Amino acid sequence: QVQLAESGGGLVQAGGSLSLSCTTSEHTFSTHAMGWFRQVPGKERREFVSAINWSDGQTYYANSVKGRFTISRDNTKNTVNLQMNNLRPEDTAVYYCAADPIFGSGPFYYTAKGMPYYGKGTQVTVSS
């Protein structure tokens, strides 16, 4: 079972920045791809935000966050980070770290399928 633990998040004003981190207990084939999803209360599905290939660092972003969010990995610490800049009220959600044995062929892959493993989530609130 893949163990994922998020940290970071909190409350910030619109235009501000926050950083999220996700640590996995160990890097295995199950964490070949890692990423972030978010869910707004009342919405049934988690929304894809970003993904990264653990091996070569290739990244995907949802159009809604492209140019504002940056995903990165630290192989020495088994950590994936999400730097969020120029935050907007519509970014308010619970953010979930996720992992997948497969690195899909594009953002639409994760939009459609999600990932099989998720952490417990961390709240991000952006005030206007």
Foldseek 3Di string as FASTA:
>chain_A
DKAKDKDKADEEAAQAKTKMKIAIPDDDLQFQKKAKWWDDPPDDDTAGAKMAGPPPGDMAGDPVQPPFKDWDADNVRRMIMIIGGRDDQVVWTWMKMAGGSDDDDHSVVCRPVPHDDIHPTDTHGYHD
